[in-house]
Structure formats: structure tokens, C-alpha cells
Amino acid sequence: MSESLFEPTTEEAEHPLLRGLNPVQREAVLYGNGPLLIFAGAGSGKTRVLTHRIAYLVTERNVYPRNILAVTLTNKAAAEMKERIERLVTPNAGRSLWVGTFHSTCARLLREYGDAIELSSNFVVYDDSDQLILVRECLRQLNLDDKKFTPRSLLSHISRAKESRISPEAYAKTFTGFFEGICSKVYPLYQAKLRQNNALDF
């Protein structure tokens, strides 16, 4: 992190959460309202700045921990971040914070608010092998040969449709072709079976 002209007040400079931070790191921790971009290389103290900023928001700005979201790339990084924040604030703060990977955060949101889309909080998330098994079940139920219409290809089409936010109902109207016609039969059944099993896919 490069140098900054930022000069904290004497009171701020003596704050425990600012000890050991360089001027630019302090500026990031004390930054006011609105978005803030921290652009820095590996080993420059980004995680330290983020954890100290979160702790500062909780202790000095009276931000309720549950109102803070921190997204990391790995579960290990999320656990480390929570642990650091708990050391800086209180153990209870870490439990309330929304710290996790993109997937774990989304799963937590669905467990808490899934009833809005009629999803039970005890849902399971199917991995790749679970999804392929489910596609095979669909093919058997539709009396289709899984050698001719491979589950992997069908699942790939379904995944692309979902990424494009195309529902099972809209799929047949969006795509044309022989294979797509088969997929338009499998996709709605696959989705119905997910719902029946109280399951989600990625």
C-alpha cells in the first residue's frame, strides 16, 4: 500500500485498532461512508486492514455485526478472518458476522430466508455426482437411453440455461434442435425432482 497524506487525530492515532498500521492502512480503517477500494499486492496487509476496519465499525461506529458482510475466496480465509475479528472485538461478534465464501454466504441466506421461495431450511446441495444421478433418473423415467443422450451433456445444457436465468418452462421457447428438444423434457423433470428432494444444485 502506497503512502497517503492522511493524518489521523491524536485520539485516533492512539486507538488500539490502529496500532502497528501504516498511514494508508489507517486511512482505510477510518474511512467514512460509501464504497472504498483497497488495491494491494500479496502480503501487504489487506486482511489485517479488513479485520481492523470491521472491528472499528463494530466498536466505534456502532454497526451491528450482523449488518456486515465479508466475502472471501476460501473457507479457510473466512475462518481466519472471523478468528481475528473475535480477538479484536468479542467472541460473539464473529458468530453474528456474515463472513464466508460466495457459496457459503448464499447457502446461509437461503437457509434463513428460503421460506420466501418455499424452500425448507434443511435443504441439501447436490454436487456434480448427485446431479448426474438425478439426470439419469429423469432419463429412465422418460424412457430415454442414457448412452444416446449422455447425462453430462444434458446437465451442461441445464446449467447453462440456469446461468442465463432461463426457467424450465422457457427453455423450449428459447432453444431449438433435436438435442435441445430432449433437454426441454429432462430439465423440468430434473427441477421437479430437486424440489421433491428438498435439494439445490450449484
Protein backbone atom coordinates (compact mmCIF):
# COMPACT_ATOMS: atom_id res chain seq x y z
CA MET A 1 0.00 0.00 0.00
CA SER A 2 1.47 3.33 -1.07
CA GLU A 3 1.88 6.44 1.05
CA SER A 4 -1.01 8.68 1.97
CA LEU A 5 -1.33 12.27 3.10
CA PHE A 6 -3.96 11.16 5.62
CA GLU A 7 -3.22 12.30 9.15
CA PRO A 8 -5.35 10.81 11.95
CA THR A 9 -6.18 12.88 15.01
CA THR A 10 -4.17 12.25 18.17
CA GLU A 11 -7.09 10.34 19.66
CA GLU A 12 -7.41 8.19 16.52
CA ALA A 13 -3.67 7.57 16.34
CA GLU A 14 -3.72 6.16 19.86
CA HIS A 15 -6.68 3.87 19.19
CA PRO A 16 -5.75 0.20 19.83
CA LEU A 17 -7.15 -0.86 16.46
CA LEU A 18 -4.73 1.50 14.67
CA ARG A 19 -1.53 0.45 16.41
CA GLY A 20 1.01 -1.04 14.05
CA LEU A 21 -0.79 0.16 10.91
CA ASN A 22 0.89 2.38 8.37
CA PRO A 23 -0.80 5.68 7.31
CA VAL A 24 -2.60 4.19 4.29
CA GLN A 25 -3.85 1.23 6.31
CA ARG A 26 -5.11 3.61 8.99
CA GLU A 27 -6.90 5.67 6.36
CA ALA A 28 -8.71 2.56 5.13
CA VAL A 29 -9.73 1.54 8.66
CA LEU A 30 -11.07 5.02 9.48
CA TYR A 31 -12.70 5.68 6.09
CA GLY A 32 -16.18 7.20 6.31
CA ASN A 33 -19.37 6.27 4.46
CA GLY A 34 -19.54 4.98 0.90
CA PRO A 35 -17.55 2.49 -1.15
CA LEU A 36 -13.83 2.03 -0.65
CA LEU A 37 -11.47 0.16 -2.99
CA ILE A 38 -8.32 -1.31 -1.48
CA PHE A 39 -5.92 -2.34 -4.22
CA ALA A 40 -2.74 -4.00 -2.97
CA GLY A 41 -0.47 -6.96 -3.63
CA ALA A 42 0.03 -10.18 -1.71
CA GLY A 43 1.43 -9.78 1.80
CA SER A 44 0.64 -6.08 2.01
CA GLY A 45 -1.81 -6.44 4.91
CA LYS A 46 -5.20 -6.42 3.17
CA THR A 47 -6.73 -8.97 5.54
CA ARG A 48 -5.39 -7.08 8.52
CA VAL A 49 -6.93 -3.85 7.24
CA LEU A 50 -10.29 -5.51 6.60
CA THR A 51 -10.45 -7.16 10.03
CA HIS A 52 -9.42 -3.95 11.79
CA ARG A 53 -11.94 -1.96 9.77
CA ILE A 54 -14.73 -4.38 10.67
CA ALA A 55 -13.71 -4.24 14.33
CA TYR A 56 -13.62 -0.43 14.15
CA LEU A 57 -17.09 -0.28 12.58
CA VAL A 58 -18.47 -2.51 15.35
CA THR A 59 -16.75 -0.87 18.32
CA GLU A 60 -16.60 2.79 17.26
CA ARG A 61 -19.35 3.25 14.67
CA ASN A 62 -21.86 1.01 16.50
CA VAL A 63 -22.53 -1.08 13.40
CA TYR A 64 -24.35 -4.26 14.37
CA PRO A 65 -22.09 -7.22 13.36
CA ARG A 66 -24.95 -8.92 11.53
CA ASN A 67 -25.09 -5.92 9.15
CA ILE A 68 -21.54 -6.54 7.92
CA LEU A 69 -20.82 -8.86 5.00
CA ALA A 70 -17.29 -10.00 4.15
CA VAL A 71 -16.83 -12.39 1.22
CA THR A 72 -13.62 -14.42 0.89
CA LEU A 73 -12.31 -16.89 -1.68
CA THR A 74 -11.88 -19.88 0.66
CA ASN A 75 -13.47 -21.26 3.82
CA LYS A 76 -10.02 -21.22 5.45
CA ALA A 77 -9.68 -17.48 4.81
CA ALA A 78 -13.19 -16.89 6.19
CA ALA A 79 -12.42 -18.84 9.38
CA GLU A 80 -9.16 -16.93 9.84
CA MET A 81 -10.92 -13.60 9.35
CA LYS A 82 -13.62 -14.48 11.90
CA GLU A 83 -10.99 -15.58 14.40
CA ARG A 84 -9.07 -12.31 14.03
CA ILE A 85 -12.22 -10.22 14.43
CA GLU A 86 -13.21 -12.15 17.55
CA ARG A 87 -9.80 -11.40 19.05
CA LEU A 88 -10.21 -7.71 18.24
CA VAL A 89 -13.82 -7.38 19.43
CA THR A 90 -15.65 -10.19 21.27
CA PRO A 91 -16.25 -13.88 20.54
CA ASN A 92 -19.94 -13.19 19.97
CA ALA A 93 -19.19 -10.69 17.20
CA GLY A 94 -17.74 -13.40 14.98
CA ARG A 95 -20.87 -15.51 15.23
CA SER A 96 -23.10 -12.67 14.06
CA LEU A 97 -20.91 -11.52 11.18
CA TRP A 98 -21.60 -12.63 7.62
CA VAL A 99 -18.11 -13.87 6.74
CA GLY A 100 -17.70 -16.63 4.18
CA THR A 101 -17.23 -17.65 0.59
CA PHE A 102 -19.73 -16.64 -2.07
CA HIS A 103 -21.32 -20.10 -1.97
CA SER A 104 -21.47 -20.42 1.81
CA THR A 105 -22.95 -16.92 2.13
CA CYS A 106 -25.65 -17.70 -0.43
CA ALA A 107 -26.41 -21.01 1.31
CA ARG A 108 -26.77 -19.18 4.63
CA LEU A 109 -29.13 -16.65 3.05
CA LEU A 110 -31.27 -19.45 1.65
CA ARG A 111 -31.35 -21.28 4.99
CA GLU A 112 -32.56 -18.12 6.73
CA TYR A 113 -34.92 -16.77 4.08
CA GLY A 114 -35.66 -19.77 1.85
CA ASP A 115 -39.24 -19.94 3.04
CA ALA A 116 -39.90 -16.94 0.76
CA ILE A 117 -39.44 -19.32 -2.18
CA GLU A 118 -40.97 -22.30 -0.35
CA LEU A 119 -37.57 -23.84 0.40
CA SER A 120 -37.11 -25.68 3.68
CA SER A 121 -34.11 -24.58 5.73
CA ASN A 122 -32.77 -28.14 5.91
CA PHE A 123 -32.20 -28.37 2.15
CA VAL A 124 -29.19 -30.20 0.74
CA VAL A 125 -26.87 -29.02 -2.03
CA TYR A 126 -26.22 -31.61 -4.73
CA ASP A 127 -22.69 -31.91 -6.02
CA ASP A 128 -21.77 -32.94 -9.55
CA SER A 129 -22.22 -36.68 -8.99
CA ASP A 130 -25.60 -36.19 -7.28
CA GLN A 131 -26.78 -34.09 -10.21
CA LEU A 132 -25.71 -36.73 -12.75
CA ILE A 133 -27.56 -39.43 -10.81
CA LEU A 134 -30.67 -37.26 -10.86
CA VAL A 135 -30.41 -36.71 -14.63
CA ARG A 136 -30.12 -40.48 -15.12
CA GLU A 137 -33.30 -40.93 -13.06
CA CYS A 138 -35.04 -38.44 -15.32
CA LEU A 139 -33.89 -40.27 -18.45
CA ARG A 140 -35.14 -43.61 -17.09
CA GLN A 141 -38.50 -42.07 -16.19
CA LEU A 142 -38.77 -40.63 -19.72
CA ASN A 143 -37.68 -43.95 -21.28
CA LEU A 144 -34.65 -42.32 -22.88
CA ASP A 145 -31.30 -44.04 -23.44
CA ASP A 146 -28.53 -42.53 -21.31
CA LYS A 147 -25.97 -43.85 -23.83
CA LYS A 148 -27.55 -41.85 -26.62
CA PHE A 149 -28.31 -38.79 -24.50
CA THR A 150 -25.45 -38.57 -22.04
CA PRO A 151 -26.31 -37.16 -18.60
CA ARG A 152 -23.19 -34.98 -18.65
CA SER A 153 -24.26 -33.23 -21.87
CA LEU A 154 -27.79 -32.72 -20.62
CA LEU A 155 -26.58 -31.39 -17.29
CA SER A 156 -24.27 -28.98 -19.11
CA HIS A 157 -27.21 -27.61 -21.12
CA ILE A 158 -29.33 -27.28 -17.97
CA SER A 159 -26.51 -25.50 -16.14
CA ARG A 160 -26.05 -23.02 -19.00
CA ALA A 161 -29.79 -22.36 -19.04
CA LYS A 162 -29.77 -21.70 -15.30
CA GLU A 163 -26.77 -19.40 -15.60
CA SER A 164 -28.77 -17.45 -18.19
CA ARG A 165 -31.78 -17.46 -15.83
CA ILE A 166 -33.86 -19.49 -18.29
CA SER A 167 -36.55 -21.45 -16.47
CA PRO A 168 -37.60 -24.99 -17.43
CA GLU A 169 -40.83 -23.53 -18.84
CA ALA A 170 -38.97 -21.02 -21.01
CA TYR A 171 -36.28 -23.43 -22.21
CA ALA A 172 -38.31 -24.96 -25.06
CA LYS A 173 -39.18 -21.48 -26.34
CA THR A 174 -35.56 -20.34 -26.19
CA PHE A 175 -33.66 -23.24 -27.77
CA THR A 176 -34.37 -25.26 -30.92
CA GLY A 177 -32.85 -28.51 -32.17
CA PHE A 178 -33.23 -32.23 -31.61
CA PHE A 179 -30.97 -32.45 -28.54
CA GLU A 180 -32.49 -29.28 -27.11
CA GLY A 181 -35.93 -30.88 -27.53
CA ILE A 182 -34.79 -33.79 -25.35
CA CYS A 183 -33.32 -31.38 -22.83
CA SER A 184 -36.60 -29.46 -22.70
CA LYS A 185 -38.21 -32.68 -21.39
CA VAL A 186 -35.43 -33.51 -18.93
CA TYR A 187 -34.95 -30.02 -17.49
CA PRO A 188 -38.47 -29.60 -15.97
CA LEU A 189 -38.40 -33.13 -14.54
CA TYR A 190 -34.90 -32.59 -13.13
CA GLN A 191 -36.04 -29.39 -11.44
CA ALA A 192 -39.17 -31.06 -10.07
CA LYS A 193 -37.06 -33.86 -8.58
CA LEU A 194 -34.74 -31.33 -6.96
CA ARG A 195 -37.77 -29.69 -5.35
CA GLN A 196 -39.19 -33.06 -4.32
CA ASN A 197 -35.87 -33.99 -2.66
CA ASN A 198 -35.58 -30.57 -0.96
CA ALA A 199 -32.33 -30.09 -2.82
CA LEU A 200 -30.49 -27.40 -4.76
CA ASP A 201 -27.69 -27.62 -7.30
CA PHE A 202 -24.88 -25.14 -7.78
